[in-house]
Every structure is written in C-alpha cells, then in structure tokens.
Amino acid sequence: MRRREFTVGLGLSVLAVQVRAQPAARYEGRLFDGHLHLNWENGFRFPVAEAFALMRANGVTTILATSRPNDGTHALVDGATPGVRVVPFLRPYRVRSDVQTWSTDATVLTLLEEEFRRGYYVGLGEFHLSGEAAATDVVRRTVDFARQRDLWLHAHVDDAALEFLFRHDPRAKIIWAHTGFSTPPEKVGAYLRAHPRLVCELSYRYGITGEGGRLTPEWREMFEAFPDRFIIGSDTWIPQRWQVYGELMEGYRAWLGQLPRPMADRIAHGNGERLFPKR
C-alpha cells in the first residue's frame, strides 16, 4: 500500500513539475506600437513600404509615430496602408544635436508653430530631458503650447524632469517613454496615483520580466493596479531596431500572454486605441 501511495505521489509530483514547466500562452491579439520612429539621417532611409510590411507581419495595427526630422513622420502619414493607422506626433528636433540643445533653443517654438499647421498632429515628442533641463522657459512654453491645443507630450525624461513638466502644468497629458528605464516600481505607482493623465510606455523598461521570461511579482502587481495606464512600444531609434522589430513584438507577446486576457488586451492595444481613437 505504501508503495502504491508513493507511486501515485511521485506521478502527481511529476505532473505538477510538467504543468509548471509549460510555457505561458503567447498573446495573439493586435498590437499598438506606442513608440515608433522613422529617423531619416546620416544617409539612412528605411523604406516606408518595408516599415509598414513589418508592422502588418507582426500584428501591429496602430503606431504612435515620431521622427527626426519630422520628414519621417510625414512619410508615414502620407504612405499609410490599409491595416495600419498612424498617430502622428510633432518632434522638436531637426538634427541629432537638437536632442541636447532644444530645451534652451527658442527657435524650436517656431518649428512647433510651423509644423503644427499641417493639421494632423495629436502630440509633441518624443523629446529628451534630464533634471533641471526641464525647468527652462522653452520647455515651459512647449508645455503651454501642448496644453492650449490639447496635445499629448511624449517625454523621455528622468524622475526629476518628469516632476518639472507637471510643475509647469499639472494638467499636462504625458506619455512617459520607457517609464524611467529603472525608476523603482513603487515610485512609478506613486506618480500614476498623483497624475491621472500620466501614461507609461514600456520599451527598454528594466525589470518587467525575470528568470525564464516570467513577469516579476512587482510588475504583475503594477499592471493589476493600473491596467489602463500602460502601452508598449518598439523605439526604432536606430537601424538595428528595425532589424529586430519582430523579436521586440514577440517579447511583448510572451509576457502579455501571462496576464488575464482583458488586461493584456488593454496594454497591448486597448489603452492606445482609447487614448488616440480614429478621427
């Protein structure tokens, strides 16, 4: 009898190990790419048709597009094909060096005014700021420009710069690119509670998954607490990111598949589509 009990117990143990070892289901829904660039500079011009083909092949149905210079975004808007919708953002950059200097360059405000006349932009950015660089008058006026026109800000910023942006206007609508990269989850949660118009984008975000690609407990709890406040993105800022575009999307599908389907749908596409509906 004891031998039979041992055999049954062993069988159940093996079954339990097998169940635990089974990979989570791959998320199969559509995707909203909330951080995409078609940067045309230094002789590199990734073909628009090829870009859209990659998106369609990977189930991406909407993109939040920003580029340096804005010519890349123009090309995406003009070349959009059925099955992929373009949400265009206006970037305060003309050349790469603007990344470091735009926050003190008043001519950027003229660029914003002139570009906005195209009539299709729904946000400003992605722009880069660190610490007190976000406290300048040019940045304050950029936030004012966005607020007056009900535009989103796509901000690649550290914690201090994020706080400066909200000091300029607590009503600002901000997509936080990379969610601070490594800002502690508890601090991310505090920002989300304090600022109801803050949305976090997850490209390059550290710590979402751990060993074996499993969602970490702190990030599972974060998604459960704020399922309507996160979006995903590719951040195709250099040519190499286009080469691995499919791998980036598969990475999201792997951990999205570990969430309840309604929650995964929100993060994968629902939040972006709600924030930026068809016009």
Protein backbone atom coordinates (compact mmCIF):
# COMPACT_ATOMS: atom_id res chain seq x y z
CA MET A 1 0.00 0.00 0.00
CA ARG A 2 2.76 2.38 0.89
CA ARG A 3 4.45 1.55 -2.41
CA ARG A 4 1.25 2.39 -4.33
CA GLU A 5 0.89 5.67 -2.42
CA PHE A 6 4.50 6.50 -3.20
CA THR A 7 3.96 5.76 -6.89
CA VAL A 8 0.81 7.89 -7.05
CA GLY A 9 2.52 10.69 -5.17
CA LEU A 10 5.52 10.55 -7.47
CA GLY A 11 3.23 10.68 -10.51
CA LEU A 12 1.42 13.72 -9.15
CA SER A 13 4.74 15.43 -8.43
CA VAL A 14 5.96 14.81 -11.97
CA LEU A 15 2.68 16.14 -13.35
CA ALA A 16 2.96 19.26 -11.20
CA VAL A 17 6.50 19.89 -12.48
CA GLN A 18 5.31 19.44 -16.06
CA VAL A 19 2.45 21.90 -15.54
CA ARG A 20 4.80 24.45 -14.02
CA ALA A 21 7.26 23.96 -16.88
CA GLN A 22 4.70 24.59 -19.59
CA PRO A 23 5.26 27.99 -21.23
CA ALA A 24 2.56 30.63 -20.86
CA ALA A 25 0.27 31.10 -23.82
CA ARG A 26 1.51 33.57 -26.42
CA TYR A 27 -0.64 36.69 -26.66
CA GLU A 28 -2.36 36.57 -30.05
CA GLY A 29 -4.16 39.91 -30.19
CA ARG A 30 -3.36 43.01 -32.19
CA LEU A 31 -0.70 45.48 -31.02
CA PHE A 32 -0.47 49.26 -30.64
CA ASP A 33 3.15 50.36 -31.09
CA GLY A 34 3.31 53.44 -28.87
CA HIS A 35 6.91 54.44 -29.63
CA LEU A 36 7.98 54.24 -33.26
CA HIS A 37 10.50 56.39 -35.16
CA LEU A 38 11.32 56.62 -38.84
CA ASN A 39 14.52 58.62 -38.33
CA TRP A 40 16.00 59.65 -41.67
CA GLU A 41 19.52 60.93 -41.10
CA ASN A 42 23.18 60.22 -41.83
CA GLY A 43 22.24 58.64 -45.16
CA PHE A 44 19.86 56.08 -43.63
CA ARG A 45 16.32 55.99 -45.02
CA PHE A 46 14.37 52.92 -44.00
CA PRO A 47 11.75 52.38 -46.74
CA VAL A 48 8.21 53.30 -45.74
CA ALA A 49 6.68 50.31 -47.53
CA GLU A 50 9.07 47.94 -45.75
CA ALA A 51 8.25 49.53 -42.40
CA PHE A 52 4.53 49.00 -42.90
CA ALA A 53 5.12 45.45 -44.10
CA LEU A 54 6.96 44.70 -40.83
CA MET A 55 4.11 46.15 -38.80
CA ARG A 56 1.47 44.12 -40.61
CA ALA A 57 3.55 40.93 -40.34
CA ASN A 58 3.71 41.37 -36.58
CA GLY A 59 0.08 42.23 -35.93
CA VAL A 60 0.69 45.93 -35.30
CA THR A 61 -2.43 47.84 -36.31
CA THR A 62 -1.68 51.32 -34.92
CA ILE A 63 1.57 53.24 -34.43
CA LEU A 64 2.45 56.36 -32.49
CA ALA A 65 4.95 57.90 -34.91
CA THR A 66 7.65 60.47 -34.16
CA SER A 67 10.78 61.09 -36.21
CA ARG A 68 13.95 63.14 -36.52
CA PRO A 69 13.50 65.18 -38.61
CA ASN A 70 9.71 65.20 -38.89
CA ASP A 71 10.04 64.18 -42.56
CA GLY A 72 9.89 60.54 -41.47
CA THR A 73 6.54 61.08 -39.79
CA HIS A 74 5.26 62.93 -42.87
CA ALA A 75 6.23 59.91 -44.96
CA LEU A 76 4.41 57.53 -42.62
CA VAL A 77 1.25 59.66 -42.68
CA ASP A 78 1.36 60.02 -46.47
CA GLY A 79 2.29 56.38 -47.11
CA ALA A 80 -0.06 54.70 -44.65
CA THR A 81 -1.52 51.48 -45.99
CA PRO A 82 -4.72 49.63 -45.06
CA GLY A 83 -4.40 47.77 -41.78
CA VAL A 84 -2.01 50.16 -40.00
CA ARG A 85 -3.20 53.50 -38.62
CA VAL A 86 -0.68 56.30 -37.96
CA VAL A 87 -0.95 58.55 -34.88
CA PRO A 88 1.50 61.42 -35.66
CA PHE A 89 3.46 63.35 -33.03
CA LEU A 90 5.49 66.51 -33.75
CA ARG A 91 9.09 66.29 -32.63
CA PRO A 92 11.07 69.43 -31.61
CA TYR A 93 14.13 68.14 -33.50
CA ARG A 94 15.62 68.88 -36.90
CA VAL A 95 19.04 67.23 -36.45
CA ARG A 96 20.56 64.88 -33.88
CA SER A 97 22.27 67.68 -31.94
CA ASP A 98 18.87 69.18 -31.12
CA VAL A 99 18.44 66.37 -28.59
CA GLN A 100 20.91 68.15 -26.30
CA THR A 101 20.07 71.77 -27.10
CA TRP A 102 16.35 72.06 -27.82
CA SER A 103 15.37 72.95 -24.25
CA THR A 104 17.23 76.28 -24.48
CA ASP A 105 16.67 76.99 -28.20
CA ALA A 106 13.79 79.41 -28.71
CA THR A 107 13.72 78.66 -32.45
CA VAL A 108 12.19 75.31 -31.55
CA LEU A 109 8.97 77.17 -30.72
CA THR A 110 8.86 78.47 -34.30
CA LEU A 111 9.36 74.91 -35.55
CA LEU A 112 6.39 73.76 -33.47
CA GLU A 113 4.18 76.55 -34.77
CA GLU A 114 5.05 75.91 -38.42
CA GLU A 115 4.82 72.12 -38.25
CA PHE A 116 1.55 72.15 -36.34
CA ARG A 117 -0.13 73.87 -39.29
CA ARG A 118 -0.10 70.54 -41.09
CA GLY A 119 -3.22 69.86 -39.09
CA TYR A 120 -2.75 66.22 -38.16
CA TYR A 121 -0.53 66.16 -35.06
CA VAL A 122 -2.03 64.94 -31.80
CA GLY A 123 1.07 65.28 -29.63
CA LEU A 124 4.61 66.63 -29.20
CA GLY A 125 7.70 64.46 -28.83
CA GLU A 126 9.43 62.22 -28.26
CA PHE A 127 11.76 64.72 -26.61
CA HIS A 128 14.62 64.17 -24.17
CA LEU A 129 15.17 65.98 -20.87
CA SER A 130 17.14 65.34 -17.71
CA GLY A 131 16.84 67.08 -14.37
CA GLU A 132 16.75 70.86 -14.40
CA ALA A 133 16.93 70.99 -18.21
CA ALA A 134 13.17 70.60 -17.95
CA ALA A 135 12.88 73.83 -15.94
CA THR A 136 13.75 76.19 -18.81
CA ASP A 137 11.42 78.75 -20.33
CA VAL A 138 11.48 76.97 -23.69
CA VAL A 139 10.23 73.76 -22.07
CA ARG A 140 7.58 75.66 -20.11
CA ARG A 141 6.36 77.30 -23.31
CA THR A 142 6.36 73.93 -25.06
CA VAL A 143 4.13 72.51 -22.32
CA ASP A 144 1.87 75.57 -22.68
CA PHE A 145 1.77 75.04 -26.46
CA ALA A 146 0.60 71.48 -25.92
CA ARG A 147 -1.98 72.36 -23.27
CA GLN A 148 -3.53 75.12 -25.38
CA ARG A 149 -4.03 72.65 -28.25
CA ASP A 150 -4.94 69.62 -26.12
CA LEU A 151 -1.83 67.74 -27.26
CA TRP A 152 -0.03 64.89 -25.54
CA LEU A 153 3.64 65.13 -24.58
CA HIS A 154 5.87 62.12 -25.31
CA ALA A 155 8.64 62.61 -22.79
CA HIS A 156 11.91 60.69 -22.49
CA VAL A 157 12.75 62.03 -19.03
CA ASP A 158 14.17 61.07 -15.68
CA ASP A 159 12.16 61.40 -12.50
CA ALA A 160 13.26 64.97 -11.78
CA ALA A 161 12.41 66.19 -15.29
CA LEU A 162 9.01 64.48 -15.14
CA GLU A 163 8.25 66.38 -11.96
CA PHE A 164 9.28 69.67 -13.59
CA LEU A 165 6.91 69.02 -16.51
CA PHE A 166 3.98 68.60 -14.13
CA ARG A 167 5.03 71.72 -12.23
CA HIS A 168 4.77 73.65 -15.47
CA ASP A 169 1.19 72.40 -15.76
CA PRO A 170 -0.35 69.72 -13.52
CA ARG A 171 -2.97 69.13 -16.23
CA ALA A 172 -0.38 68.08 -18.82
CA LYS A 173 -1.05 64.81 -20.66
CA ILE A 174 2.22 62.88 -20.68
CA ILE A 175 3.34 59.58 -22.17
CA TRP A 176 6.43 58.65 -20.17
CA ALA A 177 8.80 56.99 -22.64
CA HIS A 178 10.48 53.92 -21.12
CA THR A 179 8.77 54.57 -17.78
CA GLY A 180 12.02 55.96 -16.42
CA PHE A 181 14.03 52.90 -17.53
CA SER A 182 14.74 51.78 -13.96
CA THR A 183 12.61 54.00 -11.72
CA PRO A 184 11.51 51.73 -8.82
CA PRO A 185 8.02 50.30 -9.40
CA GLU A 186 6.72 51.77 -6.14
CA LYS A 187 7.76 55.23 -7.33
CA VAL A 188 6.14 54.64 -10.73
CA GLY A 189 2.95 53.74 -8.87
CA ALA A 190 3.17 56.93 -6.81
CA TYR A 191 3.47 59.02 -9.98
CA LEU A 192 0.48 57.25 -11.53
CA ARG A 193 -1.63 57.91 -8.45
CA ALA A 194 -0.58 61.56 -8.32
CA HIS A 195 -1.02 62.30 -12.03
CA PRO A 196 -4.14 60.81 -13.63
CA ARG A 197 -3.05 61.97 -17.10
CA LEU A 198 0.26 60.10 -16.99
CA VAL A 199 0.61 57.04 -19.25
CA CYS A 200 3.68 54.79 -19.14
CA GLU A 201 5.32 53.35 -22.27
CA LEU A 202 7.40 50.22 -21.75
CA SER A 203 10.17 49.97 -24.38
CA TYR A 204 13.59 49.38 -22.77
CA ARG A 205 11.89 49.21 -19.35
CA TYR A 206 14.00 47.23 -16.89
CA GLY A 207 12.61 44.62 -14.53
CA ILE A 208 9.29 43.64 -16.13
CA THR A 209 10.41 40.04 -16.55
CA GLY A 210 12.87 37.90 -14.66
CA GLU A 211 14.19 34.35 -14.87
CA GLY A 212 12.72 32.41 -17.75
CA GLY A 213 10.93 35.45 -19.09
CA ARG A 214 8.37 35.34 -16.30
CA LEU A 215 6.65 38.52 -15.17
CA THR A 216 8.13 39.74 -11.91
CA PRO A 217 5.72 39.98 -8.96
CA GLU A 218 6.13 43.75 -8.65
CA TRP A 219 5.25 44.37 -12.29
CA ARG A 220 2.34 41.96 -12.26
CA GLU A 221 1.01 43.92 -9.28
CA MET A 222 1.63 47.18 -11.15
CA PHE A 223 -0.38 46.03 -14.17
CA GLU A 224 -3.16 44.78 -11.90
CA ALA A 225 -3.30 48.13 -10.09
CA PHE A 226 -3.11 50.33 -13.23
CA PRO A 227 -4.26 48.28 -16.24
CA ASP A 228 -5.38 51.40 -18.12
CA ARG A 229 -2.11 53.31 -17.82
CA PHE A 230 0.43 51.31 -19.83
CA ILE A 231 1.26 50.95 -23.52
CA ILE A 232 4.03 49.09 -25.37
CA GLY A 233 6.49 50.38 -27.98
CA SER A 234 9.36 49.38 -30.25
CA ASP A 235 11.54 52.54 -30.15
CA THR A 236 13.07 52.10 -33.62
CA TRP A 237 15.58 54.89 -32.98
CA ILE A 238 18.47 53.23 -34.85
CA PRO A 239 18.57 50.93 -37.92
CA GLN A 240 19.30 47.86 -35.77
CA ARG A 241 15.92 48.17 -34.03
CA TRP A 242 14.17 47.71 -37.38
CA GLN A 243 16.19 44.53 -37.91
CA VAL A 244 14.80 43.04 -34.69
CA TYR A 245 11.31 44.53 -34.88
CA GLY A 246 9.66 41.10 -34.93
CA GLU A 247 11.68 39.96 -31.91
CA LEU A 248 10.63 43.06 -29.97
CA MET A 249 6.96 42.37 -30.64
CA GLU A 250 7.39 38.68 -29.76
CA GLY A 251 8.95 39.74 -26.47
CA TYR A 252 5.81 41.66 -25.59
CA ARG A 253 3.57 38.81 -26.69
CA ALA A 254 5.46 36.44 -24.39
CA TRP A 255 4.78 38.34 -21.17
CA LEU A 256 1.38 39.68 -22.22
CA GLY A 257 0.33 36.05 -22.51
CA GLN A 258 0.96 35.68 -18.77
CA LEU A 259 -1.76 38.21 -17.92
CA PRO A 260 -5.52 37.72 -17.90
CA ARG A 261 -6.73 38.34 -21.45
CA PRO A 262 -8.78 41.51 -20.69
CA MET A 263 -5.76 43.10 -19.00
CA ALA A 264 -3.40 42.00 -21.77
CA ASP A 265 -5.76 43.47 -24.39
CA ARG A 266 -5.67 46.85 -22.68
CA ILE A 267 -1.89 47.03 -22.52
CA ALA A 268 -1.35 45.51 -25.97
CA HIS A 269 -3.70 47.81 -27.86
CA GLY A 270 -6.77 48.93 -25.95
CA ASN A 271 -5.21 51.78 -23.98
CA GLY A 272 -3.56 53.29 -27.05
CA GLU A 273 -6.70 52.99 -29.15
CA ARG A 274 -8.77 54.59 -26.38
CA LEU A 275 -6.36 57.49 -25.96
CA PHE A 276 -5.99 58.01 -29.72
CA PRO A 277 -9.26 56.99 -31.39
CA LYS A 278 -9.83 57.15 -35.13
CA ARG A 279 -10.67 60.64 -36.32
